[in-house]
C-alpha atoms as a PDB file:
ATOM      1  CA  MET A   1      25.317  -7.160 -65.850  1.00  0.00           C
ATOM      2  CA  ILE A   2      23.798  -9.601 -68.308  1.00  0.00           C
ATOM      3  CA  ASP A   3      22.687 -10.085 -71.894  1.00  0.00           C
ATOM      4  CA  ALA A   4      19.648 -11.818 -73.318  1.00  0.00           C
ATOM      5  CA  ARG A   5      21.437 -15.154 -73.781  1.00  0.00           C
ATOM      6  CA  ASP A   6      22.441 -15.246 -70.132  1.00  0.00           C
ATOM      7  CA  THR A   7      18.859 -14.566 -69.049  1.00  0.00           C
ATOM      8  CA  LEU A   8      17.447 -17.332 -71.192  1.00  0.00           C
ATOM      9  CA  ALA A   9      20.107 -19.695 -69.939  1.00  0.00           C
ATOM     10  CA  ALA A  10      19.073 -18.868 -66.368  1.00  0.00           C
ATOM     11  CA  GLN A  11      15.405 -19.593 -67.186  1.00  0.00           C
ATOM     12  CA  PRO A  12      15.516 -22.429 -69.697  1.00  0.00           C
ATOM     13  CA  GLY A  13      11.864 -23.347 -69.224  1.00  0.00           C
ATOM     14  CA  ALA A  14      10.471 -19.842 -69.579  1.00  0.00           C
ATOM     15  CA  LEU A  15       8.037 -20.835 -72.310  1.00  0.00           C
ATOM     16  CA  ALA A  16       8.328 -24.577 -72.072  1.00  0.00           C
ATOM     17  CA  ASP A  17       5.274 -26.717 -72.691  1.00  0.00           C
ATOM     18  CA  ALA A  18       4.894 -30.370 -71.810  1.00  0.00           C
ATOM     19  CA  SER A  19       4.052 -31.127 -75.434  1.00  0.00           C
ATOM     20  CA  PHE A  20       7.249 -29.533 -76.767  1.00  0.00           C
ATOM     21  CA  SER A  21      10.185 -31.657 -77.748  1.00  0.00           C
ATOM     22  CA  PRO A  22      13.651 -30.508 -76.623  1.00  0.00           C
ATOM     23  CA  GLN A  23      14.273 -29.287 -80.161  1.00  0.00           C
ATOM     24  CA  GLU A  24      11.037 -27.285 -80.206  1.00  0.00           C
ATOM     25  CA  THR A  25      11.796 -25.755 -76.816  1.00  0.00           C
ATOM     26  CA  ALA A  26      15.228 -24.714 -78.051  1.00  0.00           C
ATOM     27  CA  LEU A  27      13.648 -23.172 -81.168  1.00  0.00           C
ATOM     28  CA  ILE A  28      11.208 -21.080 -79.125  1.00  0.00           C
ATOM     29  CA  GLN A  29      13.923 -20.004 -76.716  1.00  0.00           C
ATOM     30  CA  GLY A  30      16.062 -18.866 -79.617  1.00  0.00           C
ATOM     31  CA  ARG A  31      13.225 -16.854 -81.122  1.00  0.00           C
ATOM     32  CA  LEU A  32      12.338 -15.488 -77.704  1.00  0.00           C
ATOM     33  CA  MET A  33      15.852 -14.147 -77.316  1.00  0.00           C
ATOM     34  CA  LEU A  34      15.193 -11.629 -80.102  1.00  0.00           C
ATOM     35  CA  LEU A  35      12.154 -10.298 -78.258  1.00  0.00           C
ATOM     36  CA  LEU A  36      14.045 -10.066 -75.008  1.00  0.00           C
ATOM     37  CA  GLU A  37      16.902  -8.168 -76.659  1.00  0.00           C
ATOM     38  CA  ARG A  38      14.401  -5.658 -78.049  1.00  0.00           C
ATOM     39  CA  GLN A  39      12.769  -5.196 -74.646  1.00  0.00           C
ATOM     40  CA  MET A  40      16.167  -4.704 -73.050  1.00  0.00           C
ATOM     41  CA  ARG A  41      16.989  -1.981 -75.563  1.00  0.00           C
ATOM     42  CA  LEU A  42      13.653  -0.299 -74.862  1.00  0.00           C
ATOM     43  CA  GLN A  43      14.243  -0.354 -71.130  1.00  0.00           C
ATOM     44  CA  THR A  44      17.776   1.009 -71.355  1.00  0.00           C
ATOM     45  CA  GLN A  45      17.266   3.282 -74.373  1.00  0.00           C
ATOM     46  CA  GLY A  46      19.751   1.229 -76.342  1.00  0.00           C
ATOM     47  CA  ASP A  47      22.356   0.437 -73.675  1.00  0.00           C
ATOM     48  CA  SER A  48      21.188  -3.130 -72.977  1.00  0.00           C
ATOM     49  CA  ALA A  49      24.655  -4.294 -71.937  1.00  0.00           C
ATOM     50  CA  SER A  50      24.323  -2.381 -68.671  1.00  0.00           C
ATOM     51  CA  LEU A  51      21.113  -4.059 -67.531  1.00  0.00           C
ATOM     52  CA  PRO A  52      21.291  -5.943 -64.195  1.00  0.00           C
ATOM     53  CA  ALA A  53      20.476  -9.645 -64.336  1.00  0.00           C
ATOM     54  CA  GLU A  54      17.391  -9.265 -62.143  1.00  0.00           C
ATOM     55  CA  GLU A  55      15.860  -6.665 -64.458  1.00  0.00           C
ATOM     56  CA  ALA A  56      16.547  -8.775 -67.543  1.00  0.00           C
ATOM     57  CA  GLU A  57      14.798 -11.701 -65.873  1.00  0.00           C
ATOM     58  CA  GLU A  58      11.797  -9.476 -65.131  1.00  0.00           C
ATOM     59  CA  LEU A  59      11.659  -8.345 -68.747  1.00  0.00           C
ATOM     60  CA  LEU A  60      11.629 -11.964 -69.819  1.00  0.00           C
ATOM     61  CA  GLU A  61       8.852 -12.751 -67.349  1.00  0.00           C
ATOM     62  CA  SER A  62       6.845  -9.851 -68.766  1.00  0.00           C
ATOM     63  CA  VAL A  63       7.313 -11.090 -72.336  1.00  0.00           C
ATOM     64  CA  VAL A  64       6.221 -14.596 -71.358  1.00  0.00           C
ATOM     65  CA  PHE A  65       3.183 -13.279 -69.473  1.00  0.00           C
ATOM     66  CA  THR A  66       2.127 -11.078 -72.399  1.00  0.00           C
ATOM     67  CA  LEU A  67       2.367 -13.909 -74.918  1.00  0.00           C
ATOM     68  CA  ARG A  68       0.542 -16.377 -72.697  1.00  0.00           C
ATOM     69  CA  PHE A  69      -2.196 -13.843 -71.938  1.00  0.00           C
ATOM     70  CA  HIS A  70      -2.809 -13.273 -75.650  1.00  0.00           C
ATOM     71  CA  LEU A  71      -2.831 -16.954 -76.534  1.00  0.00           C
ATOM     72  CA  GLU A  72      -5.238 -17.849 -73.735  1.00  0.00           C
ATOM     73  CA  ALA A  73      -7.496 -14.850 -74.426  1.00  0.00           C
ATOM     74  CA  ASN A  74      -7.843 -15.942 -78.049  1.00  0.00           C
ATOM     75  CA  GLY A  75      -8.035 -19.679 -77.449  1.00  0.00           C
ATOM     76  CA  LEU A  76      -4.744 -20.305 -79.235  1.00  0.00           C
ATOM     77  CA  PRO A  77      -2.441 -23.200 -78.334  1.00  0.00           C
ATOM     78  CA  THR A  78       1.030 -22.549 -76.980  1.00  0.00           C
ATOM     79  CA  ARG A  79       2.362 -24.305 -80.073  1.00  0.00           C
ATOM     80  CA  THR A  80       1.351 -21.229 -82.078  1.00  0.00           C
ATOM     81  CA  MET A  81       4.745 -19.839 -81.109  1.00  0.00           C
ATOM     82  CA  LEU A  82       6.455 -22.543 -83.158  1.00  0.00           C
ATOM     83  CA  THR A  83       5.028 -21.312 -86.435  1.00  0.00           C
ATOM     84  CA  ALA A  84       3.992 -17.688 -85.967  1.00  0.00           C
ATOM     85  CA  GLU A  85       6.340 -14.805 -86.642  1.00  0.00           C
ATOM     86  CA  LEU A  86       7.124 -14.088 -83.006  1.00  0.00           C
ATOM     87  CA  ALA A  87       7.656 -10.332 -83.269  1.00  0.00           C
ATOM     88  CA  ALA A  88       4.273  -9.921 -84.966  1.00  0.00           C
ATOM     89  CA  LEU A  89       2.660 -12.254 -82.431  1.00  0.00           C
ATOM     90  CA  PHE A  90       4.126 -10.229 -79.579  1.00  0.00           C
ATOM     91  CA  ALA A  91       2.809  -6.992 -81.116  1.00  0.00           C
ATOM     92  CA  GLN A  92      -0.660  -8.546 -81.270  1.00  0.00           C
ATOM     93  CA  ALA A  93      -0.243  -9.776 -77.701  1.00  0.00           C
ATOM     94  CA  GLN A  94       0.562  -6.298 -76.489  1.00  0.00           C
ATOM     95  CA  LYS A  95      -2.569  -4.943 -78.186  1.00  0.00           C
ATOM     96  CA  THR A  96      -4.613  -7.610 -76.419  1.00  0.00           C
ATOM     97  CA  LEU A  97      -3.015  -6.634 -73.125  1.00  0.00           C
ATOM     98  CA  PHE A  98      -3.591  -2.915 -73.733  1.00  0.00           C
ATOM     99  CA  GLY A  99      -7.251  -3.751 -74.325  1.00  0.00           C
ATOM    100  CA  CYS A 100      -7.342  -5.453 -70.931  1.00  0.00           C
ATOM    101  CA  VAL A 101      -5.764  -2.358 -69.364  1.00  0.00           C
ATOM    102  CA  ALA A 102      -8.496  -0.150 -70.850  1.00  0.00           C
ATOM    103  CA  GLU A 103     -11.213  -2.525 -69.613  1.00  0.00           C
ATOM    104  CA  THR A 104      -9.641  -2.594 -66.157  1.00  0.00           C
ATOM    105  CA  GLU A 105      -9.541   1.188 -65.987  1.00  0.00           C
ATOM    106  CA  THR A 106     -13.249   1.219 -66.822  1.00  0.00           C
ATOM    107  CA  LEU A 107     -13.958  -1.365 -64.120  1.00  0.00           C
ATOM    108  CA  TYR A 108     -11.992   0.707 -61.636  1.00  0.00           C
ATOM    109  CA  GLN A 109     -13.933   3.873 -62.439  1.00  0.00           C
ATOM    110  CA  THR A 110     -17.160   1.908 -62.026  1.00  0.00           C
ATOM    111  CA  ALA A 111     -15.935   0.646 -58.661  1.00  0.00           C
ATOM    112  CA  CYS A 112     -15.126   4.186 -57.542  1.00  0.00           C
ATOM    113  CA  ARG A 113     -18.661   5.298 -58.443  1.00  0.00           C
ATOM    114  CA  THR A 114     -20.665   2.357 -57.199  1.00  0.00           C
ATOM    115  CA  VAL A 115     -18.896   0.311 -54.526  1.00  0.00           C
ATOM    116  CA  ARG A 116     -20.183   1.148 -51.059  1.00  0.00           C
ATOM    117  CA  LEU A 117     -17.440   0.916 -48.444  1.00  0.00           C
ATOM    118  CA  TRP A 118     -19.667   0.180 -45.433  1.00  0.00           C
ATOM    119  CA  GLY A 119     -16.949   1.722 -43.262  1.00  0.00           C
ATOM    120  CA  SER A 120     -14.464  -1.042 -44.176  1.00  0.00           C
ATOM    121  CA  ARG A 121     -10.922   0.251 -43.786  1.00  0.00           C
ATOM    122  CA  SER A 122      -9.371  -2.489 -45.910  1.00  0.00           C
ATOM    123  CA  LEU A 123     -11.827  -1.924 -48.779  1.00  0.00           C
ATOM    124  CA  ARG A 124     -11.282   1.830 -48.677  1.00  0.00           C
ATOM    125  CA  ASP A 125      -7.489   1.457 -48.609  1.00  0.00           C
ATOM    126  CA  THR A 126      -7.497  -1.128 -51.396  1.00  0.00           C
ATOM    127  CA  ILE A 127      -9.533   1.019 -53.778  1.00  0.00           C
ATOM    128  CA  SER A 128      -7.299   3.988 -52.994  1.00  0.00           C
ATOM    129  CA  ALA A 129      -4.107   1.968 -53.551  1.00  0.00           C
ATOM    130  CA  ILE A 130      -5.332   0.687 -56.905  1.00  0.00           C
ATOM    131  CA  GLY A 131      -6.072   4.245 -57.991  1.00  0.00           C
ATOM    132  CA  ASP A 132      -2.607   5.363 -56.954  1.00  0.00           C
ATOM    133  CA  ASP A 133      -0.839   2.546 -58.813  1.00  0.00           C
ATOM    134  CA  LEU A 134      -2.928   1.920 -61.925  1.00  0.00           C
ATOM    135  CA  PRO A 135      -1.745   5.021 -63.864  1.00  0.00           C
ATOM    136  CA  PHE A 136       1.850   3.802 -63.492  1.00  0.00           C
ATOM    137  CA  TYR A 137       1.281   0.225 -64.639  1.00  0.00           C
ATOM    138  CA  ASP A 138       3.810  -0.512 -67.397  1.00  0.00           C
ATOM    139  CA  ALA A 139       2.182  -2.952 -69.816  1.00  0.00           C
ATOM    140  CA  ARG A 140       5.076  -2.648 -72.279  1.00  0.00           C
ATOM    141  CA  LEU A 141       7.959  -3.770 -70.076  1.00  0.00           C
ATOM    142  CA  TYR A 142       6.665  -5.043 -66.728  1.00  0.00           C
ATOM    143  CA  ALA A 143       3.241  -6.440 -67.547  1.00  0.00           C
ATOM    144  CA  HIS A 144       3.452  -9.204 -64.935  1.00  0.00           C
ATOM    145  CA  ARG A 145       3.921  -6.901 -61.949  1.00  0.00           C
ATOM    146  CA  PRO A 146       1.065  -6.515 -59.444  1.00  0.00           C
ATOM    147  CA  VAL A 147      -1.030  -3.351 -59.532  1.00  0.00           C
ATOM    148  CA  GLY A 148      -1.885  -1.744 -56.206  1.00  0.00           C
ATOM    149  CA  GLU A 149      -1.569  -3.098 -52.687  1.00  0.00           C
ATOM    150  CA  ILE A 150      -4.682  -5.219 -52.322  1.00  0.00           C
ATOM    151  CA  ASP A 151      -5.694  -5.967 -48.735  1.00  0.00           C
ATOM    152  CA  TYR A 152      -9.450  -6.391 -48.992  1.00  0.00           C
ATOM    153  CA  GLN A 153     -10.332 -10.075 -49.145  1.00  0.00           C
ATOM    154  CA  LEU A 154     -12.880 -11.278 -51.689  1.00  0.00           C
ATOM    155  CA  CYS A 155     -15.324 -14.037 -50.846  1.00  0.00           C
ATOM    156  CA  LEU A 156     -13.933 -16.077 -53.755  1.00  0.00           C
ATOM    157  CA  PRO A 157     -10.263 -15.084 -54.158  1.00  0.00           C
ATOM    158  CA  VAL A 158      -8.688 -14.510 -57.560  1.00  0.00           C
ATOM    159  CA  PRO A 159      -6.421 -17.432 -58.556  1.00  0.00           C
ATOM    160  CA  GLU A 160      -2.789 -16.701 -57.727  1.00  0.00           C
ATOM    161  CA  THR A 161      -1.855 -17.931 -61.217  1.00  0.00           C
ATOM    162  CA  LEU A 162      -3.137 -14.635 -62.634  1.00  0.00           C
ATOM    163  CA  LEU A 163      -0.604 -11.816 -62.757  1.00  0.00           C
ATOM    164  CA  GLY A 164      -0.410  -8.117 -63.455  1.00  0.00           C
ATOM    165  CA  ILE A 165      -3.400  -6.410 -65.007  1.00  0.00           C
ATOM    166  CA  GLU A 166      -5.091  -9.775 -65.553  1.00  0.00           C
ATOM    167  CA  TYR A 167      -5.238 -10.266 -61.778  1.00  0.00           C
ATOM    168  CA  LEU A 168      -6.565  -6.756 -61.154  1.00  0.00           C
ATOM    169  CA  HIS A 169      -9.182  -7.090 -63.910  1.00  0.00           C
ATOM    170  CA  GLU A 170     -10.533 -10.268 -62.326  1.00  0.00           C
ATOM    171  CA  TYR A 171     -10.318  -8.780 -58.820  1.00  0.00           C
ATOM    172  CA  LEU A 172     -12.409  -5.767 -59.813  1.00  0.00           C
ATOM    173  CA  ARG A 173     -14.860  -7.941 -61.709  1.00  0.00           C
ATOM    174  CA  ARG A 174     -15.448 -10.011 -58.581  1.00  0.00           C
ATOM    175  CA  LEU A 175     -15.581  -6.968 -56.321  1.00  0.00           C
ATOM    176  CA  LEU A 176     -18.272  -5.385 -58.502  1.00  0.00           C
ATOM    177  CA  THR A 177     -20.198  -8.655 -58.527  1.00  0.00           C
ATOM    178  CA  GLU A 178     -20.151  -8.755 -54.736  1.00  0.00           C
ATOM    179  CA  ASN A 179     -21.246  -5.131 -54.581  1.00  0.00           C
ATOM    180  CA  GLU A 180     -24.191  -5.817 -56.913  1.00  0.00           C
ATOM    181  CA  LEU A 181     -25.772  -8.154 -54.370  1.00  0.00           C
ATOM    182  CA  LEU A 182     -25.311  -5.773 -51.462  1.00  0.00           C
ATOM    183  CA  ALA A 183     -26.691  -2.869 -53.512  1.00  0.00           C
ATOM    184  CA  ARG A 184     -30.024  -4.672 -53.949  1.00  0.00           C
ATOM    185  CA  LEU A 185     -30.639  -4.846 -50.219  1.00  0.00           C
ATOM    186  CA  SER A 186     -31.578  -2.363 -47.526  1.00  0.00           C
ATOM    187  CA  PRO A 187     -28.429  -0.558 -46.312  1.00  0.00           C
ATOM    188  CA  THR A 188     -29.821  -0.557 -42.781  1.00  0.00           C
ATOM    189  CA  ARG A 189     -30.374  -4.310 -42.841  1.00  0.00           C
ATOM    190  CA  VAL A 190     -26.982  -4.987 -44.442  1.00  0.00           C
ATOM    191  CA  GLN A 191     -25.249  -2.883 -41.791  1.00  0.00           C
ATOM    192  CA  ALA A 192     -27.078  -4.679 -38.993  1.00  0.00           C
ATOM    193  CA  LEU A 193     -26.165  -8.069 -40.461  1.00  0.00           C
ATOM    194  CA  LEU A 194     -22.492  -7.156 -40.821  1.00  0.00           C
ATOM    195  CA  LYS A 195     -22.391  -6.088 -37.192  1.00  0.00           C
ATOM    196  CA  ARG A 196     -23.973  -9.375 -36.110  1.00  0.00           C
ATOM    197  CA  ALA A 197     -21.517 -11.371 -38.229  1.00  0.00           C
ATOM    198  CA  CYS A 198     -18.429  -9.463 -37.063  1.00  0.00           C
ATOM    199  CA  PRO A 199     -18.830  -6.444 -34.772  1.00  0.00           C
ATOM    200  CA  GLU A 200     -15.352  -5.180 -35.663  1.00  0.00           C
ATOM    201  CA  TYR A 201     -15.648  -5.746 -39.420  1.00  0.00           C
ATOM    202  CA  ARG A 202     -14.714  -2.125 -40.162  1.00  0.00           C
ATOM    203  CA  GLN A 203     -11.188  -2.566 -38.801  1.00  0.00           C
ATOM    204  CA  LEU A 204     -10.573  -6.158 -39.901  1.00  0.00           C
ATOM    205  CA  LEU A 205      -9.852  -7.806 -43.258  1.00  0.00           C
ATOM    206  CA  GLN A 206     -13.468  -8.935 -43.311  1.00  0.00           C
ATOM    207  CA  ASN A 207     -15.256  -9.719 -46.556  1.00  0.00           C
ATOM    208  CA  LEU A 208     -18.632  -7.984 -46.674  1.00  0.00           C
ATOM    209  CA  TYR A 209     -20.336 -10.190 -49.250  1.00  0.00           C
ATOM    210  CA  GLU A 210     -20.007 -13.622 -47.652  1.00  0.00           C
ATOM    211  CA  PRO A 211     -22.185 -13.134 -44.529  1.00  0.00           C
ATOM    212  CA  VAL A 212     -24.838 -11.309 -46.558  1.00  0.00           C
ATOM    213  CA  ALA A 213     -24.867 -13.966 -49.294  1.00  0.00           C
ATOM    214  CA  ALA A 214     -25.042 -16.706 -46.644  1.00  0.00           C
ATOM    215  CA  ASN A 215     -28.222 -15.271 -45.126  1.00  0.00           C
ATOM    216  CA  VAL A 216     -29.700 -14.632 -48.568  1.00  0.00           C
ATOM    217  CA  VAL A 217     -29.157 -18.275 -49.497  1.00  0.00           C
ATOM    218  CA  GLY A 218     -30.420 -19.475 -46.119  1.00  0.00           C
ATOM    219  CA  LEU A 219     -33.656 -17.535 -46.490  1.00  0.00           C
ATOM    220  CA  SER A 220     -34.021 -18.864 -50.012  1.00  0.00           C
ATOM    221  CA  LEU A 221     -33.791 -22.404 -48.611  1.00  0.00           C
ATOM    222  CA  LEU A 222     -36.586 -21.467 -46.219  1.00  0.00           C
ATOM    223  CA  GLY A 223     -38.799 -20.322 -49.079  1.00  0.00           C
ATOM    224  CA  GLY A 224     -37.940 -16.667 -49.634  1.00  0.00           C
ATOM    225  CA  GLY A 225     -37.843 -13.333 -47.857  1.00  0.00           C
ATOM    226  CA  GLU A 226     -34.197 -12.773 -48.801  1.00  0.00           C
ATOM    227  CA  THR A 227     -34.395  -8.993 -48.417  1.00  0.00           C
ATOM    228  CA  LEU A 228     -35.110  -9.350 -44.691  1.00  0.00           C
ATOM    229  CA  LEU A 229     -31.582 -10.728 -44.091  1.00  0.00           C
ATOM    230  CA  GLU A 230     -32.644 -12.085 -40.694  1.00  0.00           C
ATOM    231  CA  ILE A 231     -32.303 -15.744 -39.711  1.00  0.00           C
ATOM    232  CA  THR A 232     -33.096 -16.994 -36.223  1.00  0.00           C
ATOM    233  CA  GLY A 233     -31.315 -19.825 -34.460  1.00  0.00           C
ATOM    234  CA  ILE A 234     -34.381 -22.049 -34.932  1.00  0.00           C
ATOM    235  CA  GLN A 235     -34.410 -21.304 -38.654  1.00  0.00           C
ATOM    236  CA  ALA A 236     -30.701 -22.145 -38.893  1.00  0.00           C
ATOM    237  CA  GLU A 237     -31.463 -25.510 -37.295  1.00  0.00           C
ATOM    238  CA  ARG A 238     -34.211 -26.106 -39.862  1.00  0.00           C
ATOM    239  CA  ILE A 239     -31.766 -25.393 -42.674  1.00  0.00           C
ATOM    240  CA  ALA A 240     -29.239 -27.813 -41.204  1.00  0.00           C
ATOM    241  CA  ALA A 241     -31.889 -30.527 -40.830  1.00  0.00           C
ATOM    242  CA  GLN A 242     -33.021 -29.964 -44.398  1.00  0.00           C
ATOM    243  CA  LEU A 243     -29.499 -30.374 -45.790  1.00  0.00           C
ATOM    244  CA  THR A 244     -28.271 -33.220 -43.573  1.00  0.00           C
ATOM    245  CA  ALA A 245     -31.272 -35.284 -44.672  1.00  0.00           C
ATOM    246  CA  LEU A 246     -29.886 -35.257 -48.213  1.00  0.00           C
ATOM    247  CA  PRO A 247     -26.851 -37.008 -49.720  1.00  0.00           C
ATOM    248  CA  THR A 248     -23.869 -34.661 -49.891  1.00  0.00           C
ATOM    249  CA  ALA A 249     -23.999 -34.099 -53.651  1.00  0.00           C
ATOM    250  CA  GLU A 250     -27.733 -33.443 -53.551  1.00  0.00           C
ATOM    251  CA  ALA A 251     -27.374 -31.057 -50.603  1.00  0.00           C
ATOM    252  CA  ARG A 252     -24.690 -29.068 -52.402  1.00  0.00           C
ATOM    253  CA  ALA A 253     -26.883 -28.921 -55.500  1.00  0.00           C
ATOM    254  CA  ARG A 254     -29.775 -27.711 -53.340  1.00  0.00           C
ATOM    255  CA  LEU A 255     -27.625 -24.878 -52.016  1.00  0.00           C
ATOM    256  CA  ARG A 256     -26.710 -23.866 -55.563  1.00  0.00           C
ATOM    257  CA  THR A 257     -30.345 -23.957 -56.610  1.00  0.00           C
ATOM    258  CA  ALA A 258     -31.302 -21.798 -53.628  1.00  0.00           C
ATOM    259  CA  ALA A 259     -28.625 -19.289 -54.614  1.00  0.00           C
ATOM    260  CA  CYS A 260     -29.900 -19.191 -58.181  1.00  0.00           C
ATOM    261  CA  GLU A 261     -33.482 -18.681 -57.021  1.00  0.00           C
ATOM    262  CA  ALA A 262     -32.416 -15.904 -54.670  1.00  0.00           C
ATOM    263  CA  CYS A 263     -30.498 -14.153 -57.453  1.00  0.00           C
ATOM    264  CA  GLN A 264     -33.531 -14.309 -59.729  1.00  0.00           C
ATOM    265  CA  ARG A 265     -35.727 -12.756 -57.035  1.00  0.00           C
ATOM    266  CA  LEU A 266     -33.130 -10.016 -56.497  1.00  0.00           C
ATOM    267  CA  SER A 267     -32.878  -9.371 -60.272  1.00  0.00           C
ATOM    268  CA  LEU A 268     -29.296 -10.615 -60.449  1.00  0.00           C
ATOM    269  CA  THR A 269     -29.629 -12.403 -63.759  1.00  0.00           C
ATOM    270  CA  ASP A 270     -26.147 -12.395 -65.265  1.00  0.00           C
ATOM    271  CA  ALA A 271     -24.452 -15.782 -65.332  1.00  0.00           C
ATOM    272  CA  PHE A 272     -21.350 -14.667 -63.444  1.00  0.00           C
ATOM    273  CA  SER A 273     -23.317 -13.295 -60.470  1.00  0.00           C
ATOM    274  CA  ILE A 274     -25.415 -16.450 -60.280  1.00  0.00           C
ATOM    275  CA  ASP A 275     -22.373 -18.716 -60.463  1.00  0.00           C
ATOM    276  CA  TYR A 276     -20.514 -16.590 -57.891  1.00  0.00           C
ATOM    277  CA  CYS A 277     -23.400 -16.795 -55.439  1.00  0.00           C
ATOM    278  CA  GLY A 278     -23.782 -20.497 -56.175  1.00  0.00           C
ATOM    279  CA  LYS A 279     -20.150 -21.233 -55.337  1.00  0.00           C
ATOM    280  CA  THR A 280     -20.464 -19.162 -52.170  1.00  0.00           C
ATOM    281  CA  ALA A 281     -23.568 -21.131 -51.211  1.00  0.00           C
ATOM    282  CA  GLU A 282     -21.944 -24.496 -51.867  1.00  0.00           C
ATOM    283  CA  ALA A 283     -18.995 -23.516 -49.660  1.00  0.00           C
ATOM    284  CA  LEU A 284     -21.432 -23.147 -46.756  1.00  0.00           C
ATOM    285  CA  TYR A 285     -22.215 -26.857 -46.721  1.00  0.00           C
ATOM    286  CA  PRO A 286     -19.268 -28.089 -44.579  1.00  0.00           C
ATOM    287  CA  ARG A 287     -19.880 -25.322 -42.056  1.00  0.00           C
ATOM    288  CA  ILE A 288     -23.589 -26.029 -41.771  1.00  0.00           C
ATOM    289  CA  VAL A 289     -23.287 -29.786 -41.241  1.00  0.00           C
ATOM    290  CA  ALA A 290     -20.033 -29.873 -39.254  1.00  0.00           C
ATOM    291  CA  ALA A 291     -21.712 -30.495 -35.893  1.00  0.00           C
ATOM    292  CA  PRO A 292     -24.994 -29.898 -34.068  1.00  0.00           C
ATOM    293  CA  GLY A 293     -25.558 -26.184 -33.734  1.00  0.00           C
ATOM    294  CA  SER A 294     -22.907 -25.274 -36.308  1.00  0.00           C
ATOM    295  CA  ALA A 295     -25.519 -23.880 -38.703  1.00  0.00           C
ATOM    296  CA  ALA A 296     -25.916 -20.888 -36.383  1.00  0.00           C
ATOM    297  CA  GLY A 297     -22.262 -20.099 -37.018  1.00  0.00           C
ATOM    298  CA  ALA A 298     -22.722 -20.337 -40.779  1.00  0.00           C
ATOM    299  CA  PHE A 299     -25.368 -17.593 -40.693  1.00  0.00           C
ATOM    300  CA  ALA A 300     -25.497 -14.246 -38.952  1.00  0.00           C
ATOM    301  CA  VAL A 301     -28.380 -15.224 -36.683  1.00  0.00           C
ATOM    302  CA  CYS A 302     -30.479 -12.731 -34.789  1.00  0.00           C
END
């Protein structure tokens, strides 16, 4: 068993910042101890002395996550904790976090209504697992813990630095962005493309957006016709020749421009969707120019 002082001693850098002096770090740790003691009493209904060390450390991690989330969400420096009344700051931080929980629940309901599974087992299981776990997410005491068992791989993964509901919020945001592109295209053509890209995509941890976005960008480079989703081997070679004739930076910029133009033609006008497609397009460059004939592997050719 452990008390708050022991936990802080075990994690001396819990809220350390490179700009803090040793004295400032000690001050924050001392103020943090009061928050941790309160959280321990909440968790144990007053009997904090009986709390195992591992649980106390998790409570501390949750407190740190909640404070950092609030500060970053509001553009506040970490040094705010040196001057603010920490209990009041933590109460504000929890409100900010609860707001993120509400937004995430809305995103999840939107995903349930709009995301097409395309027969993908991992996507189906991931959405189901999130729904099973989200109602039990404890933002008060264990805010840093993951929500749901997420197997489905995004085209652009969520940074591992994000935790708890923050991670899930960003995951769902990206999932809905990917779905928006697929929803603007013929289901029959999307299905045919996915089968060309990976015949066993339904059983594998296969992202659905990436092969579709690749062909959309490729057709944009060729002048349009993105909704057709079909690129021949000869067309793939033309794309490779077009890009290899340019300096690397210019070729990457051309891919981004093609993605932006494709999004405009598909009525995907929000900045996040355009940037997401642009980053996906730019990531194609090494695959397209790796070796003669490699462009055919970058696109689902027919």
